[in-house]
Amino acid sequence: MTHPLIPQILDLATPVAQDLGLDVVAAVFQTNQRPPVLRIDIRNPQDETSLNDCEAMSRALEAVLDASDSIPEAYVLEVSSPGLSDILNSDRDFISFKGFSVSITTEEPYKGQTHWSGHLIERNEESIRLSCKGKAIAIPRSLVVNVQLN
């Protein structure tokens, strides 16, 4: 269950991240810890999220949170990157993992299958192309539910 302060924290954190050219991916307030831990996950949409990105966000957000007095008790602020996901979403993911082994799931059968495995060739406007046992196949993007690294 999401902590009741999370929407307010996200309202404060999102513009801070945007000013730094970052995106807020998630926020969790772990009140079972002593002191409680507020973890904010950020992503740099232009480049790999760096330690400098996390540090800049931490300093800027700390000042905003302190000024807002949203969290009445002492807490620890952690700003981090969510790391790599095994699900490919962005154009950058598809470029970065070209040639890697992936599995594709479709919402309805395409050529009699709902699961495909092969090496990623590319994603374009119409399809995701895989090399399956040396043969290229183009699966329509409109049918794809997810693309996952193997």
N, C-alpha and C. Protein backbone atom coordinates (compact mmCIF):
# COMPACT_ATOMS: atom_id res chain seq x y z
N MET A 1 0.83 -1.18 0.00
CA MET A 1 0.00 0.00 0.00
C MET A 1 0.88 1.24 0.00
N THR A 2 0.51 2.20 -0.80
CA THR A 2 1.27 3.43 -0.93
C THR A 2 1.06 4.31 0.30
N HIS A 3 2.13 4.88 0.80
CA HIS A 3 2.05 5.79 1.94
C HIS A 3 1.24 7.02 1.53
N PRO A 4 0.40 7.56 2.43
CA PRO A 4 -0.45 8.70 2.07
C PRO A 4 0.31 9.98 1.69
N LEU A 5 1.58 10.09 2.09
CA LEU A 5 2.36 11.28 1.73
C LEU A 5 2.95 11.22 0.32
N ILE A 6 2.95 10.05 -0.31
CA ILE A 6 3.60 9.87 -1.61
C ILE A 6 3.05 10.83 -2.68
N PRO A 7 1.73 11.01 -2.84
CA PRO A 7 1.27 11.96 -3.87
C PRO A 7 1.81 13.38 -3.65
N GLN A 8 1.83 13.83 -2.42
CA GLN A 8 2.35 15.16 -2.11
C GLN A 8 3.85 15.23 -2.38
N ILE A 9 4.57 14.17 -2.03
CA ILE A 9 6.02 14.12 -2.27
C ILE A 9 6.30 14.13 -3.77
N LEU A 10 5.51 13.38 -4.54
CA LEU A 10 5.68 13.38 -6.00
C LEU A 10 5.39 14.75 -6.59
N ASP A 11 4.38 15.43 -6.05
CA ASP A 11 4.07 16.80 -6.52
C ASP A 11 5.24 17.74 -6.28
N LEU A 12 5.98 17.53 -5.21
CA LEU A 12 7.16 18.36 -4.91
C LEU A 12 8.37 17.91 -5.72
N ALA A 13 8.55 16.60 -5.87
CA ALA A 13 9.75 16.05 -6.50
C ALA A 13 9.75 16.20 -8.02
N THR A 14 8.60 16.10 -8.65
CA THR A 14 8.54 16.11 -10.12
C THR A 14 9.09 17.41 -10.72
N PRO A 15 8.67 18.60 -10.26
CA PRO A 15 9.26 19.81 -10.86
C PRO A 15 10.75 19.97 -10.56
N VAL A 16 11.18 19.49 -9.39
CA VAL A 16 12.61 19.55 -9.06
C VAL A 16 13.39 18.71 -10.08
N ALA A 17 12.89 17.50 -10.34
CA ALA A 17 13.55 16.61 -11.31
C ALA A 17 13.54 17.24 -12.71
N GLN A 18 12.41 17.80 -13.11
CA GLN A 18 12.30 18.40 -14.44
C GLN A 18 13.29 19.54 -14.60
N ASP A 19 13.47 20.34 -13.55
CA ASP A 19 14.45 21.45 -13.61
C ASP A 19 15.87 20.93 -13.84
N LEU A 20 16.12 19.70 -13.39
CA LEU A 20 17.45 19.08 -13.54
C LEU A 20 17.54 18.22 -14.80
N GLY A 21 16.46 18.16 -15.59
CA GLY A 21 16.44 17.34 -16.80
C GLY A 21 16.25 15.87 -16.50
N LEU A 22 15.59 15.56 -15.38
CA LEU A 22 15.41 14.18 -14.94
C LEU A 22 13.92 13.84 -14.86
N ASP A 23 13.63 12.54 -14.75
CA ASP A 23 12.26 12.07 -14.54
C ASP A 23 12.20 11.34 -13.21
N VAL A 24 11.11 11.52 -12.46
CA VAL A 24 10.87 10.73 -11.26
C VAL A 24 10.17 9.45 -11.71
N VAL A 25 10.76 8.31 -11.36
CA VAL A 25 10.22 7.02 -11.77
C VAL A 25 9.33 6.43 -10.69
N ALA A 26 9.74 6.56 -9.43
CA ALA A 26 8.99 5.98 -8.33
C ALA A 26 9.37 6.65 -7.02
N ALA A 27 8.49 6.49 -6.04
CA ALA A 27 8.77 6.98 -4.70
C ALA A 27 8.19 6.00 -3.70
N VAL A 28 8.96 5.72 -2.67
CA VAL A 28 8.52 4.80 -1.61
C VAL A 28 8.93 5.41 -0.27
N PHE A 29 8.00 5.39 0.66
CA PHE A 29 8.31 5.88 2.01
C PHE A 29 8.23 4.68 2.94
N GLN A 30 9.39 4.24 3.42
CA GLN A 30 9.48 3.04 4.26
C GLN A 30 9.45 3.46 5.72
N THR A 31 8.26 3.47 6.29
CA THR A 31 8.09 3.92 7.67
C THR A 31 8.37 2.82 8.68
N ASN A 32 8.61 1.61 8.21
CA ASN A 32 8.96 0.52 9.13
C ASN A 32 10.43 0.59 9.55
N GLN A 33 11.20 1.49 8.97
CA GLN A 33 12.61 1.68 9.31
C GLN A 33 12.71 2.78 10.37
N ARG A 34 13.79 2.78 11.13
CA ARG A 34 14.03 3.86 12.10
C ARG A 34 15.39 4.44 11.84
N PRO A 35 15.55 5.67 11.40
CA PRO A 35 14.47 6.56 10.98
C PRO A 35 13.85 6.08 9.68
N PRO A 36 12.64 6.57 9.35
CA PRO A 36 11.99 6.19 8.09
C PRO A 36 12.86 6.59 6.89
N VAL A 37 12.71 5.84 5.80
CA VAL A 37 13.50 6.10 4.59
C VAL A 37 12.56 6.48 3.45
N LEU A 38 12.83 7.65 2.86
CA LEU A 38 12.11 8.09 1.67
C LEU A 38 13.04 7.83 0.49
N ARG A 39 12.63 6.90 -0.39
CA ARG A 39 13.46 6.58 -1.56
C ARG A 39 12.77 7.10 -2.81
N ILE A 40 13.52 7.89 -3.56
CA ILE A 40 13.05 8.44 -4.83
C ILE A 40 13.92 7.86 -5.93
N ASP A 41 13.30 7.21 -6.90
CA ASP A 41 14.02 6.68 -8.07
C ASP A 41 13.88 7.67 -9.21
N ILE A 42 15.01 8.01 -9.82
CA ILE A 42 15.02 8.96 -10.94
C ILE A 42 15.67 8.32 -12.16
N ARG A 43 15.40 8.91 -13.31
CA ARG A 43 16.01 8.46 -14.56
C ARG A 43 16.38 9.68 -15.37
N ASN A 44 17.55 9.62 -15.99
CA ASN A 44 17.97 10.66 -16.92
C ASN A 44 17.54 10.20 -18.31
N PRO A 45 16.54 10.85 -18.93
CA PRO A 45 16.03 10.37 -20.21
C PRO A 45 17.00 10.58 -21.37
N GLN A 46 18.03 11.41 -21.18
CA GLN A 46 18.97 11.72 -22.25
C GLN A 46 20.23 10.86 -22.22
N ASP A 47 20.53 10.27 -21.07
CA ASP A 47 21.80 9.57 -20.89
C ASP A 47 21.62 8.56 -19.76
N GLU A 48 22.68 7.82 -19.46
CA GLU A 48 22.66 6.93 -18.30
C GLU A 48 22.52 7.78 -17.04
N THR A 49 21.71 7.34 -16.10
CA THR A 49 21.57 8.08 -14.85
C THR A 49 22.86 7.92 -14.05
N SER A 50 23.45 9.05 -13.69
CA SER A 50 24.75 9.02 -13.02
C SER A 50 24.62 9.31 -11.53
N LEU A 51 25.70 9.07 -10.83
CA LEU A 51 25.78 9.42 -9.42
C LEU A 51 25.59 10.93 -9.25
N ASN A 52 26.13 11.72 -10.18
CA ASN A 52 25.96 13.18 -10.12
C ASN A 52 24.49 13.57 -10.25
N ASP A 53 23.73 12.85 -11.10
CA ASP A 53 22.29 13.11 -11.22
C ASP A 53 21.59 12.87 -9.88
N CYS A 54 21.93 11.74 -9.25
CA CYS A 54 21.31 11.39 -7.97
C CYS A 54 21.68 12.41 -6.90
N GLU A 55 22.94 12.82 -6.88
CA GLU A 55 23.40 13.79 -5.89
C GLU A 55 22.71 15.15 -6.08
N ALA A 56 22.62 15.61 -7.32
CA ALA A 56 21.97 16.90 -7.60
C ALA A 56 20.50 16.86 -7.20
N MET A 57 19.83 15.76 -7.52
CA MET A 57 18.42 15.62 -7.16
C MET A 57 18.25 15.58 -5.65
N SER A 58 19.12 14.86 -4.98
CA SER A 58 19.05 14.75 -3.53
C SER A 58 19.18 16.12 -2.86
N ARG A 59 20.16 16.88 -3.28
CA ARG A 59 20.37 18.21 -2.68
C ARG A 59 19.20 19.15 -2.95
N ALA A 60 18.74 19.17 -4.19
CA ALA A 60 17.64 20.06 -4.55
C ALA A 60 16.33 19.65 -3.88
N LEU A 61 16.06 18.35 -3.86
CA LEU A 61 14.81 17.87 -3.27
C LEU A 61 14.83 18.03 -1.75
N GLU A 62 15.97 17.81 -1.14
CA GLU A 62 16.07 17.96 0.32
C GLU A 62 15.66 19.38 0.73
N ALA A 63 16.13 20.37 0.00
CA ALA A 63 15.79 21.76 0.31
C ALA A 63 14.28 22.01 0.16
N VAL A 64 13.68 21.46 -0.90
CA VAL A 64 12.25 21.65 -1.14
C VAL A 64 11.42 20.94 -0.06
N LEU A 65 11.81 19.71 0.27
CA LEU A 65 11.08 18.97 1.30
C LEU A 65 11.18 19.65 2.66
N ASP A 66 12.38 20.13 3.00
CA ASP A 66 12.55 20.82 4.28
C ASP A 66 11.70 22.09 4.33
N ALA A 67 11.66 22.85 3.25
CA ALA A 67 10.89 24.10 3.20
C ALA A 67 9.39 23.83 3.28
N SER A 68 8.94 22.71 2.72
CA SER A 68 7.51 22.40 2.70
C SER A 68 7.02 21.84 4.03
N ASP A 69 7.95 21.30 4.82
CA ASP A 69 7.62 20.68 6.11
C ASP A 69 6.57 19.57 5.95
N SER A 70 6.64 18.86 4.80
CA SER A 70 5.69 17.79 4.49
C SER A 70 5.86 16.57 5.38
N ILE A 71 7.10 16.33 5.79
CA ILE A 71 7.39 15.15 6.61
C ILE A 71 7.80 15.66 7.99
N PRO A 72 6.91 15.50 8.98
CA PRO A 72 7.13 16.12 10.29
C PRO A 72 8.25 15.51 11.12
N GLU A 73 8.59 14.25 10.88
CA GLU A 73 9.61 13.60 11.69
C GLU A 73 10.92 13.47 10.91
N ALA A 74 11.98 13.10 11.61
CA ALA A 74 13.27 12.88 10.97
C ALA A 74 13.15 11.68 10.01
N TYR A 75 13.85 11.76 8.88
CA TYR A 75 13.83 10.69 7.89
C TYR A 75 15.14 10.72 7.11
N VAL A 76 15.39 9.65 6.37
CA VAL A 76 16.55 9.56 5.50
C VAL A 76 16.05 9.65 4.07
N LEU A 77 16.66 10.53 3.27
CA LEU A 77 16.31 10.66 1.85
C LEU A 77 17.34 9.89 1.03
N GLU A 78 16.86 8.97 0.22
CA GLU A 78 17.72 8.22 -0.71
C GLU A 78 17.24 8.50 -2.12
N VAL A 79 18.13 8.94 -2.98
CA VAL A 79 17.80 9.15 -4.39
C VAL A 79 18.66 8.19 -5.18
N SER A 80 18.02 7.39 -6.02
CA SER A 80 18.77 6.39 -6.78
C SER A 80 18.16 6.19 -8.15
N SER A 81 18.84 5.39 -8.94
CA SER A 81 18.37 5.01 -10.26
C SER A 81 17.69 3.65 -10.12
N PRO A 82 16.58 3.42 -10.83
CA PRO A 82 15.92 2.13 -10.72
C PRO A 82 16.73 1.00 -11.35
N GLY A 83 17.80 1.35 -12.07
CA GLY A 83 18.61 0.32 -12.71
C GLY A 83 17.99 -0.16 -14.00
N LEU A 84 18.62 -1.13 -14.59
CA LEU A 84 18.12 -1.66 -15.85
C LEU A 84 16.96 -2.60 -15.63
N SER A 85 15.96 -2.46 -16.44
CA SER A 85 14.84 -3.37 -16.43
C SER A 85 15.08 -4.39 -17.53
N ASP A 86 14.51 -5.56 -17.39
CA ASP A 86 14.66 -6.54 -18.47
C ASP A 86 13.54 -6.38 -19.50
N ILE A 87 12.63 -5.43 -19.29
CA ILE A 87 11.59 -5.13 -20.26
C ILE A 87 12.06 -3.94 -21.11
N LEU A 88 12.00 -4.08 -22.42
CA LEU A 88 12.40 -3.00 -23.32
C LEU A 88 11.18 -2.13 -23.63
N ASN A 89 11.34 -0.81 -23.47
CA ASN A 89 10.23 0.11 -23.71
C ASN A 89 10.59 1.22 -24.68
N SER A 90 11.66 1.91 -24.38
CA SER A 90 11.99 3.13 -25.13
C SER A 90 12.77 2.83 -26.40
N ASP A 91 12.81 3.81 -27.29
CA ASP A 91 13.63 3.68 -28.50
C ASP A 91 15.08 3.42 -28.11
N ARG A 92 15.51 4.10 -27.06
CA ARG A 92 16.89 3.92 -26.58
C ARG A 92 17.16 2.48 -26.17
N ASP A 93 16.18 1.83 -25.48
CA ASP A 93 16.33 0.42 -25.10
C ASP A 93 16.52 -0.45 -26.33
N PHE A 94 15.69 -0.21 -27.35
CA PHE A 94 15.75 -1.05 -28.54
C PHE A 94 17.04 -0.84 -29.33
N ILE A 95 17.59 0.35 -29.28
CA ILE A 95 18.87 0.60 -29.93
C ILE A 95 20.01 -0.04 -29.13
N SER A 96 19.96 0.15 -27.80
CA SER A 96 21.02 -0.37 -26.93
C SER A 96 21.11 -1.89 -26.96
N PHE A 97 19.97 -2.57 -27.08
CA PHE A 97 19.96 -4.02 -26.99
C PHE A 97 19.80 -4.72 -28.34
N LYS A 98 20.09 -4.00 -29.42
CA LYS A 98 20.08 -4.60 -30.75
C LYS A 98 21.07 -5.76 -30.76
N GLY A 99 20.63 -6.91 -31.27
CA GLY A 99 21.49 -8.10 -31.32
C GLY A 99 21.36 -9.00 -30.10
N PHE A 100 20.72 -8.50 -29.03
CA PHE A 100 20.54 -9.30 -27.82
C PHE A 100 19.39 -10.28 -27.99
N SER A 101 19.43 -11.33 -27.20
CA SER A 101 18.37 -12.33 -27.18
C SER A 101 17.16 -11.78 -26.42
N VAL A 102 15.98 -11.82 -27.04
CA VAL A 102 14.77 -11.31 -26.42
C VAL A 102 13.61 -12.29 -26.62
N SER A 103 12.59 -12.11 -25.79
CA SER A 103 11.33 -12.83 -25.95
C SER A 103 10.23 -11.80 -26.14
N ILE A 104 9.36 -12.06 -27.08
CA ILE A 104 8.23 -11.18 -27.35
C ILE A 104 6.95 -11.95 -27.07
N THR A 105 6.03 -11.29 -26.37
CA THR A 105 4.71 -11.85 -26.13
C THR A 105 3.71 -10.98 -26.88
N THR A 106 2.80 -11.64 -27.61
CA THR A 106 1.76 -10.91 -28.34
C THR A 106 0.41 -11.15 -27.67
N GLU A 107 -0.51 -10.19 -27.83
CA GLU A 107 -1.80 -10.33 -27.17
C GLU A 107 -2.70 -11.33 -27.87
N GLU A 108 -2.45 -11.57 -29.14
CA GLU A 108 -3.17 -12.60 -29.89
C GLU A 108 -2.17 -13.31 -30.79
N PRO A 109 -2.47 -14.52 -31.21
CA PRO A 109 -1.49 -15.25 -32.03
C PRO A 109 -1.14 -14.52 -33.32
N TYR A 110 0.14 -14.53 -33.62
CA TYR A 110 0.65 -14.03 -34.90
C TYR A 110 1.38 -15.20 -35.53
N LYS A 111 0.94 -15.58 -36.72
CA LYS A 111 1.48 -16.77 -37.40
C LYS A 111 1.44 -17.98 -36.47
N GLY A 112 0.33 -18.07 -35.70
CA GLY A 112 0.10 -19.23 -34.85
C GLY A 112 0.81 -19.23 -33.50
N GLN A 113 1.50 -18.14 -33.14
CA GLN A 113 2.25 -18.10 -31.89
C GLN A 113 1.95 -16.82 -31.11
N THR A 114 2.03 -16.93 -29.77
CA THR A 114 1.93 -15.75 -28.92
C THR A 114 3.26 -15.46 -28.22
N HIS A 115 4.21 -16.36 -28.33
CA HIS A 115 5.54 -16.17 -27.74
C HIS A 115 6.60 -16.39 -28.81
N TRP A 116 7.50 -15.41 -28.91
CA TRP A 116 8.58 -15.47 -29.89
C TRP A 116 9.90 -15.24 -29.19
N SER A 117 10.93 -15.96 -29.58
CA SER A 117 12.27 -15.74 -29.05
C SER A 117 13.24 -15.63 -30.21
N GLY A 118 14.20 -14.74 -30.05
CA GLY A 118 15.21 -14.56 -31.08
C GLY A 118 16.11 -13.40 -30.73
N HIS A 119 16.90 -12.98 -31.69
CA HIS A 119 17.81 -11.84 -31.49
C HIS A 119 17.20 -10.60 -32.10
N LEU A 120 17.18 -9.54 -31.31
CA LEU A 120 16.56 -8.29 -31.73
C LEU A 120 17.31 -7.69 -32.91
N ILE A 121 16.59 -7.41 -33.98
CA ILE A 121 17.16 -6.73 -35.14
C ILE A 121 16.86 -5.24 -35.04
N GLU A 122 15.58 -4.90 -34.88
CA GLU A 122 15.20 -3.49 -34.77
C GLU A 122 13.74 -3.37 -34.38
N ARG A 123 13.38 -2.16 -33.98
CA ARG A 123 11.98 -1.79 -33.82
C ARG A 123 11.77 -0.56 -34.69
N ASN A 124 10.74 -0.62 -35.54
CA ASN A 124 10.40 0.55 -36.35
C ASN A 124 8.95 0.92 -36.08
N GLU A 125 8.39 1.80 -36.87
CA GLU A 125 7.02 2.27 -36.63
C GLU A 125 5.98 1.15 -36.71
N GLU A 126 6.21 0.16 -37.59
CA GLU A 126 5.21 -0.88 -37.82
C GLU A 126 5.46 -2.17 -37.06
N SER A 127 6.73 -2.52 -36.86
CA SER A 127 7.01 -3.86 -36.33
C SER A 127 8.27 -3.92 -35.48
N ILE A 128 8.40 -5.07 -34.82
CA ILE A 128 9.64 -5.41 -34.13
C ILE A 128 10.21 -6.60 -34.89
N ARG A 129 11.44 -6.45 -35.35
CA ARG A 129 12.05 -7.50 -36.16
C ARG A 129 13.02 -8.31 -35.31
N LEU A 130 12.88 -9.63 -35.44
CA LEU A 130 13.74 -10.59 -34.74
C LEU A 130 14.41 -11.50 -35.74
N SER A 131 15.54 -12.02 -35.35
CA SER A 131 16.17 -13.11 -36.09
C SER A 131 15.89 -14.37 -35.30
N CYS A 132 15.05 -15.23 -35.86
CA CYS A 132 14.67 -16.49 -35.22
C CYS A 132 15.30 -17.64 -36.00
N LYS A 133 16.31 -18.26 -35.40
CA LYS A 133 17.03 -19.37 -36.04
C LYS A 133 17.52 -18.96 -37.43
N GLY A 134 18.05 -17.72 -37.52
CA GLY A 134 18.61 -17.24 -38.78
C GLY A 134 17.62 -16.64 -39.75
N LYS A 135 16.34 -16.71 -39.43
CA LYS A 135 15.32 -16.17 -40.32
C LYS A 135 14.72 -14.92 -39.68
N ALA A 136 14.65 -13.81 -40.44
CA ALA A 136 14.09 -12.56 -39.93
C ALA A 136 12.57 -12.63 -39.95
N ILE A 137 11.96 -12.18 -38.86
CA ILE A 137 10.51 -12.11 -38.78
C ILE A 137 10.13 -10.74 -38.24
N ALA A 138 9.08 -10.14 -38.81
CA ALA A 138 8.60 -8.83 -38.38
C ALA A 138 7.25 -9.03 -37.69
N ILE A 139 7.21 -8.76 -36.39
CA ILE A 139 5.98 -8.92 -35.61
C ILE A 139 5.33 -7.53 -35.48
N PRO A 140 4.07 -7.39 -35.89
CA PRO A 140 3.41 -6.08 -35.82
C PRO A 140 3.40 -5.52 -34.40
N ARG A 141 3.81 -4.27 -34.25
CA ARG A 141 3.87 -3.63 -32.93
C ARG A 141 2.50 -3.60 -32.26
N SER A 142 1.44 -3.50 -33.06
CA SER A 142 0.10 -3.41 -32.49
C SER A 142 -0.30 -4.66 -31.72
N LEU A 143 0.38 -5.78 -31.97
CA LEU A 143 0.07 -7.03 -31.28
C LEU A 143 0.96 -7.28 -30.07
N VAL A 144 2.06 -6.55 -29.96
CA VAL A 144 3.07 -6.83 -28.94
C VAL A 144 2.63 -6.34 -27.57
N VAL A 145 2.68 -7.26 -26.59
CA VAL A 145 2.38 -6.92 -25.20
C VAL A 145 3.65 -6.48 -24.49
N ASN A 146 4.74 -7.26 -24.67
CA ASN A 146 6.02 -6.87 -24.10
C ASN A 146 7.19 -7.52 -24.82
N VAL A 147 8.34 -6.88 -24.65
CA VAL A 147 9.60 -7.39 -25.18
C VAL A 147 10.55 -7.44 -24.00
N GLN A 148 11.08 -8.64 -23.74
CA GLN A 148 11.90 -8.85 -22.54
C GLN A 148 13.24 -9.46 -22.93
N LEU A 149 14.30 -8.96 -22.27
CA LEU A 149 15.62 -9.57 -22.46
C LEU A 149 15.62 -10.97 -21.90
N ASN A 150 16.30 -11.88 -22.57
CA ASN A 150 16.43 -13.25 -22.06
C ASN A 150 17.65 -13.38 -21.20
